Amino acid sequence: MSKPLVAILSGAGISTDSGIPDYRGPNGLWRRDPEAEKLVTYEYYMGDPEIRRRSWRMRLKNRTLRAEPNAAHRAVTELERSGVPVRVITQNVDGLHQLAGMPARKVLELHGSARSVVCTKCHARGPMEDALARVEAGEDDPPCLECGGILKSATVMFGERLDPVVLGEAVSITKACEVFIAVGSSLQVQPAAGLAGVAADHGARLIIVNAEPTPYDDQAHDVVREPIGTALPELLHRLRAECD
């Protein structure tokens, strides 16, 4: 008997144990400092050099590039290595699923990656670490080395659309999966949140692991409120046993 395809939608809550704060939870960044949202809003970023300078200073302080995968990320990788077909659809930009050993081709980054930068003019890409080194060396708003255009993090800022190809792949995986686990996501940000509904509509077993209630709880087969760092490994261990 073939093993079921498991799709895992991960949000900020899966990475809080790695020291990366969430954005919309009770202690989330946007609740603590609404002004910070401007630093990742495309219109403000492109139109105001001071916003860009503040954004680069924020990136220097950002813990994302220094973070390490936690038990939840490792549990996802262990499930995949056990032979269960797993696809990760992540709202996160931290790259921790890949650092935990998930093959990059099996991870869809809906909101891009904070580990790279992209030029808004010529679309050249490069490592975030190289751009941050330039900031530390005195460039407060480092331009693209290829064309002189404005550099930004290779993430989807507020005011930008998701990559339609990546989103299309996410929808296809969601429609095909037999188990859909939404973990650490408020399921409030569309269109990513809507994947939970798509999964339920196509007959998948919907499991939600999140500290706070979500709009899709009433469609879920199981809702888990326990801490993700222990709850997700236990859940995936049971799922693996079911598949053996």
C-alpha atoms as a PDB file:
ATOM      1  CA  MET A   1       0.000   0.000   0.000  1.00  0.00           C
ATOM      2  CA  SER A   2       1.385   3.408  -0.943  1.00  0.00           C
ATOM      3  CA  LYS A   3       2.055   5.919   1.799  1.00  0.00           C
ATOM      4  CA  PRO A   4      -0.097   9.065   1.906  1.00  0.00           C
ATOM      5  CA  LEU A   5       1.227  12.377   0.661  1.00  0.00           C
ATOM      6  CA  VAL A   6       1.646  14.694   3.645  1.00  0.00           C
ATOM      7  CA  ALA A   7       1.628  18.456   3.067  1.00  0.00           C
ATOM      8  CA  ILE A   8       2.871  20.649   5.903  1.00  0.00           C
ATOM      9  CA  LEU A   9       2.048  24.355   5.916  1.00  0.00           C
ATOM     10  CA  SER A  10       4.394  26.026   8.387  1.00  0.00           C
ATOM     11  CA  GLY A  11       4.059  29.506   9.826  1.00  0.00           C
ATOM     12  CA  ALA A  12       6.045  31.658  12.218  1.00  0.00           C
ATOM     13  CA  GLY A  13       5.093  29.571  15.241  1.00  0.00           C
ATOM     14  CA  ILE A  14       7.298  26.675  14.143  1.00  0.00           C
ATOM     15  CA  SER A  15      10.386  28.888  14.379  1.00  0.00           C
ATOM     16  CA  THR A  16       9.816  30.667  17.689  1.00  0.00           C
ATOM     17  CA  ASP A  17      11.761  27.919  19.519  1.00  0.00           C
ATOM     18  CA  SER A  18      14.683  28.873  17.259  1.00  0.00           C
ATOM     19  CA  GLY A  19      14.591  32.411  18.649  1.00  0.00           C
ATOM     20  CA  ILE A  20      12.722  34.007  15.742  1.00  0.00           C
ATOM     21  CA  PRO A  21       9.719  36.010  16.996  1.00  0.00           C
ATOM     22  CA  ASP A  22       6.369  35.652  15.315  1.00  0.00           C
ATOM     23  CA  TYR A  23       4.570  38.621  13.805  1.00  0.00           C
ATOM     24  CA  ARG A  24       0.878  38.359  14.619  1.00  0.00           C
ATOM     25  CA  GLY A  25       0.732  36.430  17.897  1.00  0.00           C
ATOM     26  CA  PRO A  26      -0.028  38.089  21.249  1.00  0.00           C
ATOM     27  CA  ASN A  27       3.607  39.190  21.512  1.00  0.00           C
ATOM     28  CA  GLY A  28       4.218  39.476  17.771  1.00  0.00           C
ATOM     29  CA  LEU A  29       6.374  42.157  16.194  1.00  0.00           C
ATOM     30  CA  TRP A  30       3.518  43.950  14.442  1.00  0.00           C
ATOM     31  CA  ARG A  31       1.575  44.220  17.693  1.00  0.00           C
ATOM     32  CA  ARG A  32       4.572  45.516  19.636  1.00  0.00           C
ATOM     33  CA  ASP A  33       5.776  47.977  16.982  1.00  0.00           C
ATOM     34  CA  PRO A  34       3.308  48.811  14.188  1.00  0.00           C
ATOM     35  CA  GLU A  35       5.855  51.238  12.704  1.00  0.00           C
ATOM     36  CA  ALA A  36       8.095  48.256  11.961  1.00  0.00           C
ATOM     37  CA  GLU A  37       5.592  47.153   9.326  1.00  0.00           C
ATOM     38  CA  LYS A  38       6.664  50.091   7.145  1.00  0.00           C
ATOM     39  CA  LEU A  39      10.165  48.628   6.928  1.00  0.00           C
ATOM     40  CA  VAL A  40       8.798  45.635   5.050  1.00  0.00           C
ATOM     41  CA  THR A  41       6.173  47.444   2.956  1.00  0.00           C
ATOM     42  CA  TYR A  42       7.228  47.745  -0.688  1.00  0.00           C
ATOM     43  CA  GLU A  43       5.802  51.219  -1.333  1.00  0.00           C
ATOM     44  CA  TYR A  44       7.514  52.757   1.704  1.00  0.00           C
ATOM     45  CA  TYR A  45      10.735  50.859   1.055  1.00  0.00           C
ATOM     46  CA  MET A  46      11.057  51.934  -2.570  1.00  0.00           C
ATOM     47  CA  GLY A  47      10.005  55.523  -1.993  1.00  0.00           C
ATOM     48  CA  ASP A  48      11.920  56.497   1.145  1.00  0.00           C
ATOM     49  CA  PRO A  49      15.722  56.141   1.486  1.00  0.00           C
ATOM     50  CA  GLU A  50      15.422  56.550   5.262  1.00  0.00           C
ATOM     51  CA  ILE A  51      13.060  53.566   5.427  1.00  0.00           C
ATOM     52  CA  ARG A  52      15.636  51.533   3.479  1.00  0.00           C
ATOM     53  CA  ARG A  53      18.433  52.597   5.826  1.00  0.00           C
ATOM     54  CA  ARG A  54      16.306  51.589   8.816  1.00  0.00           C
ATOM     55  CA  SER A  55      15.471  48.314   7.092  1.00  0.00           C
ATOM     56  CA  TRP A  56      19.140  47.470   6.620  1.00  0.00           C
ATOM     57  CA  ARG A  57      19.839  48.263  10.274  1.00  0.00           C
ATOM     58  CA  MET A  58      16.944  45.989  11.215  1.00  0.00           C
ATOM     59  CA  ARG A  59      18.407  43.195   9.085  1.00  0.00           C
ATOM     60  CA  LEU A  60      21.743  43.545  10.851  1.00  0.00           C
ATOM     61  CA  LYS A  61      19.987  42.923  14.167  1.00  0.00           C
ATOM     62  CA  ASN A  62      17.738  40.201  12.779  1.00  0.00           C
ATOM     63  CA  ARG A  63      18.234  36.804  14.360  1.00  0.00           C
ATOM     64  CA  THR A  64      17.020  34.886  11.311  1.00  0.00           C
ATOM     65  CA  LEU A  65      20.426  34.233   9.741  1.00  0.00           C
ATOM     66  CA  ARG A  66      21.859  33.120  13.087  1.00  0.00           C
ATOM     67  CA  ALA A  67      18.969  30.811  13.968  1.00  0.00           C
ATOM     68  CA  GLU A  68      19.249  27.031  14.039  1.00  0.00           C
ATOM     69  CA  PRO A  69      16.503  24.477  13.316  1.00  0.00           C
ATOM     70  CA  ASN A  70      14.599  23.188  16.327  1.00  0.00           C
ATOM     71  CA  ALA A  71      12.933  19.885  17.193  1.00  0.00           C
ATOM     72  CA  ALA A  72       9.868  20.651  15.069  1.00  0.00           C
ATOM     73  CA  HIS A  73      11.925  21.305  11.914  1.00  0.00           C
ATOM     74  CA  ARG A  74      13.960  18.160  12.549  1.00  0.00           C
ATOM     75  CA  ALA A  75      10.797  16.085  13.030  1.00  0.00           C
ATOM     76  CA  VAL A  76       9.544  17.112   9.594  1.00  0.00           C
ATOM     77  CA  THR A  77      12.848  16.011   8.054  1.00  0.00           C
ATOM     78  CA  GLU A  78      12.763  12.701   9.923  1.00  0.00           C
ATOM     79  CA  LEU A  79       9.282  11.991   8.567  1.00  0.00           C
ATOM     80  CA  GLU A  80      10.490  12.671   5.021  1.00  0.00           C
ATOM     81  CA  ARG A  81      13.570  10.467   5.494  1.00  0.00           C
ATOM     82  CA  SER A  82      11.386   7.621   6.746  1.00  0.00           C
ATOM     83  CA  GLY A  83       9.961   7.267   3.259  1.00  0.00           C
ATOM     84  CA  VAL A  84       6.688   9.129   3.745  1.00  0.00           C
ATOM     85  CA  PRO A  85       6.112  11.563   0.851  1.00  0.00           C
ATOM     86  CA  VAL A  86       6.348  15.014   2.436  1.00  0.00           C
ATOM     87  CA  ARG A  87       6.074  18.467   0.906  1.00  0.00           C
ATOM     88  CA  VAL A  88       6.594  21.603   2.962  1.00  0.00           C
ATOM     89  CA  ILE A  89       4.770  24.805   2.083  1.00  0.00           C
ATOM     90  CA  THR A  90       6.158  27.518   4.315  1.00  0.00           C
ATOM     91  CA  GLN A  91       5.127  31.073   5.056  1.00  0.00           C
ATOM     92  CA  ASN A  92       8.508  31.562   6.726  1.00  0.00           C
ATOM     93  CA  VAL A  93      11.555  33.162   5.129  1.00  0.00           C
ATOM     94  CA  ASP A  94      14.157  31.715   7.503  1.00  0.00           C
ATOM     95  CA  GLY A  95      15.288  28.664   5.510  1.00  0.00           C
ATOM     96  CA  LEU A  96      15.250  26.489   8.648  1.00  0.00           C
ATOM     97  CA  HIS A  97      13.468  23.560   6.990  1.00  0.00           C
ATOM     98  CA  GLN A  98      16.339  23.264   4.527  1.00  0.00           C
ATOM     99  CA  LEU A  99      18.945  23.698   7.266  1.00  0.00           C
ATOM    100  CA  ALA A 100      17.251  20.830   9.106  1.00  0.00           C
ATOM    101  CA  GLY A 101      17.863  18.628   6.080  1.00  0.00           C
ATOM    102  CA  MET A 102      14.692  18.875   4.012  1.00  0.00           C
ATOM    103  CA  PRO A 103      15.623  18.762   0.305  1.00  0.00           C
ATOM    104  CA  ALA A 104      15.196  22.256  -1.137  1.00  0.00           C
ATOM    105  CA  ARG A 105      13.083  20.873  -3.996  1.00  0.00           C
ATOM    106  CA  LYS A 106      10.521  19.685  -1.433  1.00  0.00           C
ATOM    107  CA  VAL A 107      10.156  23.085   0.233  1.00  0.00           C
ATOM    108  CA  LEU A 108       8.007  25.826  -1.273  1.00  0.00           C
ATOM    109  CA  GLU A 109       8.803  29.255   0.183  1.00  0.00           C
ATOM    110  CA  LEU A 110       5.607  31.230  -0.371  1.00  0.00           C
ATOM    111  CA  HIS A 111       7.074  34.469   0.971  1.00  0.00           C
ATOM    112  CA  GLY A 112      10.601  34.097  -0.399  1.00  0.00           C
ATOM    113  CA  SER A 113      13.873  33.897   1.503  1.00  0.00           C
ATOM    114  CA  ALA A 114      15.595  36.282   3.904  1.00  0.00           C
ATOM    115  CA  ARG A 115      18.883  34.562   3.096  1.00  0.00           C
ATOM    116  CA  SER A 116      19.108  36.278  -0.297  1.00  0.00           C
ATOM    117  CA  VAL A 117      18.802  39.769  -1.747  1.00  0.00           C
ATOM    118  CA  VAL A 118      17.375  40.757  -5.121  1.00  0.00           C
ATOM    119  CA  CYS A 119      17.742  43.891  -7.215  1.00  0.00           C
ATOM    120  CA  THR A 120      14.417  45.591  -7.872  1.00  0.00           C
ATOM    121  CA  LYS A 121      15.701  46.813 -11.254  1.00  0.00           C
ATOM    122  CA  CYS A 122      17.725  44.051 -12.926  1.00  0.00           C
ATOM    123  CA  HIS A 123      16.595  41.187 -10.641  1.00  0.00           C
ATOM    124  CA  ALA A 124      20.167  40.036  -9.918  1.00  0.00           C
ATOM    125  CA  ARG A 125      20.356  37.899  -6.777  1.00  0.00           C
ATOM    126  CA  GLY A 126      23.031  37.379  -4.174  1.00  0.00           C
ATOM    127  CA  PRO A 127      23.582  36.230  -0.583  1.00  0.00           C
ATOM    128  CA  MET A 128      22.130  38.391   2.182  1.00  0.00           C
ATOM    129  CA  GLU A 129      25.358  37.908   4.141  1.00  0.00           C
ATOM    130  CA  ASP A 130      27.351  39.720   1.431  1.00  0.00           C
ATOM    131  CA  ALA A 131      24.953  42.682   1.467  1.00  0.00           C
ATOM    132  CA  LEU A 132      25.048  42.868   5.269  1.00  0.00           C
ATOM    133  CA  ALA A 133      28.837  42.858   5.180  1.00  0.00           C
ATOM    134  CA  ARG A 134      28.647  45.960   2.979  1.00  0.00           C
ATOM    135  CA  VAL A 135      26.307  47.614   5.498  1.00  0.00           C
ATOM    136  CA  GLU A 136      28.709  46.823   8.332  1.00  0.00           C
ATOM    137  CA  ALA A 137      31.502  48.334   6.229  1.00  0.00           C
ATOM    138  CA  GLY A 138      29.637  51.639   6.008  1.00  0.00           C
ATOM    139  CA  GLU A 139      27.117  51.422   3.142  1.00  0.00           C
ATOM    140  CA  ASP A 140      23.822  52.335   4.790  1.00  0.00           C
ATOM    141  CA  ASP A 141      21.739  51.587   1.651  1.00  0.00           C
ATOM    142  CA  PRO A 142      23.888  49.284  -0.533  1.00  0.00           C
ATOM    143  CA  PRO A 143      22.922  49.442  -4.227  1.00  0.00           C
ATOM    144  CA  CYS A 144      23.014  46.537  -6.670  1.00  0.00           C
ATOM    145  CA  LEU A 145      26.581  45.867  -7.783  1.00  0.00           C
ATOM    146  CA  GLU A 146      25.347  44.947 -11.269  1.00  0.00           C
ATOM    147  CA  CYS A 147      23.229  47.986 -12.191  1.00  0.00           C
ATOM    148  CA  GLY A 148      23.088  50.328  -9.192  1.00  0.00           C
ATOM    149  CA  GLY A 149      19.420  49.583  -8.545  1.00  0.00           C
ATOM    150  CA  ILE A 150      17.739  49.292  -5.163  1.00  0.00           C
ATOM    151  CA  LEU A 151      18.432  46.048  -3.311  1.00  0.00           C
ATOM    152  CA  LYS A 152      15.827  44.380  -1.139  1.00  0.00           C
ATOM    153  CA  SER A 153      15.512  41.152   0.750  1.00  0.00           C
ATOM    154  CA  ALA A 154      14.327  38.340  -1.542  1.00  0.00           C
ATOM    155  CA  THR A 155      11.136  38.143   0.492  1.00  0.00           C
ATOM    156  CA  VAL A 156       7.599  39.106  -0.444  1.00  0.00           C
ATOM    157  CA  MET A 157       7.016  42.484   1.177  1.00  0.00           C
ATOM    158  CA  PHE A 158       3.606  43.871   2.075  1.00  0.00           C
ATOM    159  CA  GLY A 159       2.207  45.276  -1.152  1.00  0.00           C
ATOM    160  CA  GLU A 160       3.866  42.625  -3.349  1.00  0.00           C
ATOM    161  CA  ARG A 161       2.155  39.629  -4.902  1.00  0.00           C
ATOM    162  CA  LEU A 162       3.212  36.078  -4.209  1.00  0.00           C
ATOM    163  CA  ASP A 163       5.033  34.337  -7.042  1.00  0.00           C
ATOM    164  CA  PRO A 164       2.133  32.821  -9.040  1.00  0.00           C
ATOM    165  CA  VAL A 165       4.225  29.784 -10.035  1.00  0.00           C
ATOM    166  CA  VAL A 166       5.098  28.973  -6.415  1.00  0.00           C
ATOM    167  CA  LEU A 167       1.515  29.551  -5.309  1.00  0.00           C
ATOM    168  CA  GLY A 168       0.239  27.339  -8.133  1.00  0.00           C
ATOM    169  CA  GLU A 169       2.549  24.516  -7.026  1.00  0.00           C
ATOM    170  CA  ALA A 170       1.319  24.936  -3.450  1.00  0.00           C
ATOM    171  CA  VAL A 171      -2.305  24.644  -4.561  1.00  0.00           C
ATOM    172  CA  SER A 172      -1.520  21.537  -6.627  1.00  0.00           C
ATOM    173  CA  ILE A 173       0.208  19.842  -3.687  1.00  0.00           C
ATOM    174  CA  THR A 174      -2.651  20.784  -1.379  1.00  0.00           C
ATOM    175  CA  LYS A 175      -5.261  19.301  -3.711  1.00  0.00           C
ATOM    176  CA  ALA A 176      -3.253  16.081  -4.068  1.00  0.00           C
ATOM    177  CA  CYS A 177      -2.328  15.463  -0.427  1.00  0.00           C
ATOM    178  CA  GLU A 178      -4.136  13.076   1.888  1.00  0.00           C
ATOM    179  CA  VAL A 179      -2.930  14.711   5.101  1.00  0.00           C
ATOM    180  CA  PHE A 180      -2.551  18.481   5.495  1.00  0.00           C
ATOM    181  CA  ILE A 181      -0.907  19.797   8.665  1.00  0.00           C
ATOM    182  CA  ALA A 182      -1.008  23.534   9.355  1.00  0.00           C
ATOM    183  CA  VAL A 183       1.543  24.267  12.071  1.00  0.00           C
ATOM    184  CA  GLY A 184       2.367  27.556  13.752  1.00  0.00           C
ATOM    185  CA  SER A 185       0.198  29.621  11.426  1.00  0.00           C
ATOM    186  CA  SER A 186      -2.604  31.986  12.384  1.00  0.00           C
ATOM    187  CA  LEU A 187      -4.232  31.059   9.048  1.00  0.00           C
ATOM    188  CA  GLN A 188      -5.232  34.679   8.644  1.00  0.00           C
ATOM    189  CA  VAL A 189      -2.969  35.783   5.795  1.00  0.00           C
ATOM    190  CA  GLN A 190      -4.379  35.010   2.369  1.00  0.00           C
ATOM    191  CA  PRO A 191      -3.851  33.352   0.009  1.00  0.00           C
ATOM    192  CA  ALA A 192      -1.634  30.991   2.060  1.00  0.00           C
ATOM    193  CA  ALA A 193      -4.273  30.577   4.781  1.00  0.00           C
ATOM    194  CA  GLY A 194      -6.832  29.463   2.216  1.00  0.00           C
ATOM    195  CA  LEU A 195      -4.800  26.331   1.516  1.00  0.00           C
ATOM    196  CA  ALA A 196      -6.248  24.806   4.678  1.00  0.00           C
ATOM    197  CA  GLY A 197      -9.725  25.200   3.227  1.00  0.00           C
ATOM    198  CA  VAL A 198      -8.618  23.813  -0.138  1.00  0.00           C
ATOM    199  CA  ALA A 199      -7.212  20.738   1.617  1.00  0.00           C
ATOM    200  CA  ALA A 200     -10.435  20.155   3.536  1.00  0.00           C
ATOM    201  CA  ASP A 201     -12.546  20.664   0.417  1.00  0.00           C
ATOM    202  CA  HIS A 202     -10.511  18.012  -1.432  1.00  0.00           C
ATOM    203  CA  GLY A 203     -10.910  15.404   1.276  1.00  0.00           C
ATOM    204  CA  ALA A 204      -7.574  15.696   3.083  1.00  0.00           C
ATOM    205  CA  ARG A 205      -7.299  15.004   6.798  1.00  0.00           C
ATOM    206  CA  LEU A 206      -6.756  18.524   8.132  1.00  0.00           C
ATOM    207  CA  ILE A 207      -4.700  18.871  11.321  1.00  0.00           C
ATOM    208  CA  ILE A 208      -4.023  22.284  12.893  1.00  0.00           C
ATOM    209  CA  VAL A 209      -1.229  22.742  15.426  1.00  0.00           C
ATOM    210  CA  ASN A 210      -1.319  26.290  16.764  1.00  0.00           C
ATOM    211  CA  ALA A 211      -1.458  28.013  20.149  1.00  0.00           C
ATOM    212  CA  GLU A 212      -4.286  30.380  19.148  1.00  0.00           C
ATOM    213  CA  PRO A 213      -7.616  29.605  17.445  1.00  0.00           C
ATOM    214  CA  THR A 214      -7.688  29.875  13.640  1.00  0.00           C
ATOM    215  CA  PRO A 215     -10.536  30.510  11.178  1.00  0.00           C
ATOM    216  CA  TYR A 216     -10.235  26.907   9.954  1.00  0.00           C
ATOM    217  CA  ASP A 217     -10.457  25.059  13.279  1.00  0.00           C
ATOM    218  CA  ASP A 218     -14.046  23.967  12.621  1.00  0.00           C
ATOM    219  CA  GLN A 219     -12.949  22.241   9.389  1.00  0.00           C
ATOM    220  CA  ALA A 220     -10.092  20.343  11.029  1.00  0.00           C
ATOM    221  CA  HIS A 221     -10.096  16.676  11.986  1.00  0.00           C
ATOM    222  CA  ASP A 222      -7.724  17.482  14.853  1.00  0.00           C
ATOM    223  CA  VAL A 223      -6.724  20.729  16.578  1.00  0.00           C
ATOM    224  CA  VAL A 224      -3.627  20.689  18.798  1.00  0.00           C
ATOM    225  CA  ARG A 225      -2.905  23.547  21.208  1.00  0.00           C
ATOM    226  CA  GLU A 226       0.197  22.121  22.941  1.00  0.00           C
ATOM    227  CA  PRO A 227       3.648  23.709  22.355  1.00  0.00           C
ATOM    228  CA  ILE A 228       4.831  22.992  18.822  1.00  0.00           C
ATOM    229  CA  GLY A 229       8.321  21.868  19.841  1.00  0.00           C
ATOM    230  CA  THR A 230       6.880  18.797  21.556  1.00  0.00           C
ATOM    231  CA  ALA A 231       3.470  18.439  19.916  1.00  0.00           C
ATOM    232  CA  LEU A 232       4.634  18.284  16.296  1.00  0.00           C
ATOM    233  CA  PRO A 233       7.351  15.620  16.812  1.00  0.00           C
ATOM    234  CA  GLU A 234       4.815  13.469  18.705  1.00  0.00           C
ATOM    235  CA  LEU A 235       2.177  13.980  16.014  1.00  0.00           C
ATOM    236  CA  LEU A 236       4.563  13.124  13.168  1.00  0.00           C
ATOM    237  CA  HIS A 237       5.851  10.074  15.073  1.00  0.00           C
ATOM    238  CA  ARG A 238       2.289   8.755  15.323  1.00  0.00           C
ATOM    239  CA  LEU A 239       1.660   9.551  11.664  1.00  0.00           C
ATOM    240  CA  ARG A 240       4.826   7.689  10.681  1.00  0.00           C
ATOM    241  CA  ALA A 241       3.650   4.665  12.694  1.00  0.00           C
ATOM    242  CA  GLU A 242       0.302   4.749  10.881  1.00  0.00           C
ATOM    243  CA  CYS A 243       2.118   4.690   7.534  1.00  0.00           C
ATOM    244  CA  ASP A 244       4.361   1.714   8.407  1.00  0.00           C
END
